[in-house]
């Protein structure tokens, strides 16, 4: 993550499980929240901690008016599978993956 970027670490019984970082300046002109780092330690993968960290990113960026989350293109097929499972797909305009996090008026009945 860039110097000074906020980082949120998740712990389980005092043991670090994972982390998510936020780059509030990057992609803001496109309405995107940028996650430069999303990591879960190997022993705790596939237990729901990664999606909880994504949820924290949603809670961080929605109040800023961001309607999409972006993160770097995954380095492994396992990471790509995780991103796909939780709604991320390759961004049309660059080497990143993104997910819509805005409110869907149709779903909300407005």
Protein backbone atom coordinates (compact mmCIF):
# COMPACT_ATOMS: atom_id res chain seq x y z
CA UNK A 1 0.00 0.00 0.00
CA UNK A 2 1.10 3.60 -0.45
CA UNK A 3 2.78 5.32 2.49
CA UNK A 4 0.18 6.62 4.91
CA UNK A 5 -2.66 4.49 3.48
CA UNK A 6 -5.13 3.34 6.11
CA UNK A 7 -4.83 -0.38 6.85
CA UNK A 8 -7.34 -2.45 8.77
CA UNK A 9 -6.10 -5.70 10.31
CA UNK A 10 -8.38 -8.52 11.39
CA UNK A 11 -7.52 -10.57 14.47
CA UNK A 12 -8.81 -13.82 15.91
CA UNK A 13 -7.96 -14.41 19.57
CA UNK A 14 -5.08 -11.95 19.28
CA UNK A 15 -3.64 -13.57 16.14
CA UNK A 16 -3.56 -11.53 12.92
CA UNK A 17 -5.75 -13.22 10.31
CA UNK A 18 -5.83 -10.73 7.45
CA UNK A 19 -5.63 -7.13 6.35
CA UNK A 20 -7.16 -4.68 3.91
CA UNK A 21 -5.66 -1.34 2.88
CA UNK A 22 -7.43 1.70 1.42
CA UNK A 23 -5.98 4.20 -1.06
CA UNK A 24 -8.53 7.02 -0.76
CA UNK A 25 -6.98 9.20 -3.46
CA UNK A 26 -6.57 6.69 -6.25
CA UNK A 27 -9.48 6.20 -8.66
CA UNK A 28 -11.65 8.74 -6.81
CA UNK A 29 -12.34 10.62 -10.05
CA UNK A 30 -13.93 7.45 -11.42
CA UNK A 31 -16.09 6.90 -8.34
CA UNK A 32 -14.02 3.90 -7.27
CA UNK A 33 -12.61 2.88 -3.94
CA UNK A 34 -9.14 1.37 -4.40
CA UNK A 35 -7.94 -1.61 -2.33
CA UNK A 36 -4.17 -1.88 -2.87
CA UNK A 37 -3.91 -4.81 -0.45
CA UNK A 38 -6.30 -7.60 0.54
CA UNK A 39 -4.72 -10.57 2.28
CA UNK A 40 -5.76 -13.45 4.50
CA UNK A 41 -3.14 -15.69 6.11
CA UNK A 42 -3.09 -19.24 4.73
CA UNK A 43 -4.46 -21.07 7.80
CA UNK A 44 -7.59 -18.87 7.84
CA UNK A 45 -8.50 -18.86 4.16
CA UNK A 46 -11.91 -20.17 3.02
CA UNK A 47 -13.48 -19.30 6.39
CA UNK A 48 -15.18 -16.01 5.51
CA UNK A 49 -12.52 -13.58 6.72
CA UNK A 50 -11.71 -12.26 3.25
CA UNK A 51 -15.31 -11.34 2.53
CA UNK A 52 -15.48 -9.60 5.93
CA UNK A 53 -12.49 -7.49 4.91
CA UNK A 54 -14.23 -6.64 1.62
CA UNK A 55 -17.27 -5.64 3.69
CA UNK A 56 -15.08 -3.26 5.67
CA UNK A 57 -13.92 -1.70 2.39
CA UNK A 58 -17.55 -1.23 1.34
CA UNK A 59 -18.29 0.45 4.67
CA UNK A 60 -15.22 2.66 4.21
CA UNK A 61 -15.96 3.79 0.64
CA UNK A 62 -19.77 4.03 0.38
CA UNK A 63 -20.00 7.11 2.63
CA UNK A 64 -17.49 8.77 0.29
CA UNK A 65 -19.90 8.26 -2.61
CA UNK A 66 -17.85 5.52 -4.26
CA UNK A 67 -20.00 3.01 -6.12
CA UNK A 68 -17.31 0.51 -7.12
CA UNK A 69 -14.38 -1.21 -5.46
CA UNK A 70 -11.20 -1.85 -7.40
CA UNK A 71 -8.19 -3.97 -6.59
CA UNK A 72 -5.10 -5.10 -8.48
CA UNK A 73 -5.35 -7.92 -11.00
CA UNK A 74 -4.96 -11.16 -9.03
CA UNK A 75 -1.57 -12.84 -9.15
CA UNK A 76 -2.85 -16.40 -8.77
CA UNK A 77 -5.81 -18.40 -10.04
CA UNK A 78 -6.84 -18.99 -6.40
CA UNK A 79 -7.07 -15.23 -5.84
CA UNK A 80 -8.97 -14.79 -9.12
CA UNK A 81 -11.42 -17.47 -8.02
CA UNK A 82 -11.96 -15.71 -4.69
CA UNK A 83 -12.53 -12.36 -6.41
CA UNK A 84 -15.00 -13.90 -8.86
CA UNK A 85 -16.87 -15.66 -6.05
CA UNK A 86 -17.51 -12.31 -4.39
CA UNK A 87 -18.58 -10.40 -7.49
CA UNK A 88 -15.35 -8.92 -8.85
CA UNK A 89 -14.53 -9.06 -12.56
CA UNK A 90 -11.83 -7.59 -14.79
CA UNK A 91 -12.28 -3.83 -15.25
CA UNK A 92 -12.97 -2.76 -18.82
CA UNK A 93 -10.51 0.14 -18.68
CA UNK A 94 -7.36 -1.22 -17.15
CA UNK A 95 -5.36 -3.81 -15.27
CA UNK A 96 -7.63 -4.06 -12.24
CA UNK A 97 -10.70 -5.95 -11.08
CA UNK A 98 -13.82 -4.23 -9.83
CA UNK A 99 -17.15 -4.77 -8.11
CA UNK A 100 -20.27 -2.60 -7.99
CA UNK A 101 -21.04 -1.53 -4.40
CA UNK A 102 -23.57 1.22 -5.04
CA UNK A 103 -27.22 1.00 -4.27
CA UNK A 104 -29.42 -0.53 -6.96
CA UNK A 105 -32.61 1.60 -7.12
CA UNK A 106 -34.54 -1.26 -8.72
CA UNK A 107 -33.68 -3.59 -5.83
CA UNK A 108 -34.62 -0.92 -3.32
CA UNK A 109 -37.94 -0.25 -5.11
CA UNK A 110 -37.20 3.43 -5.78
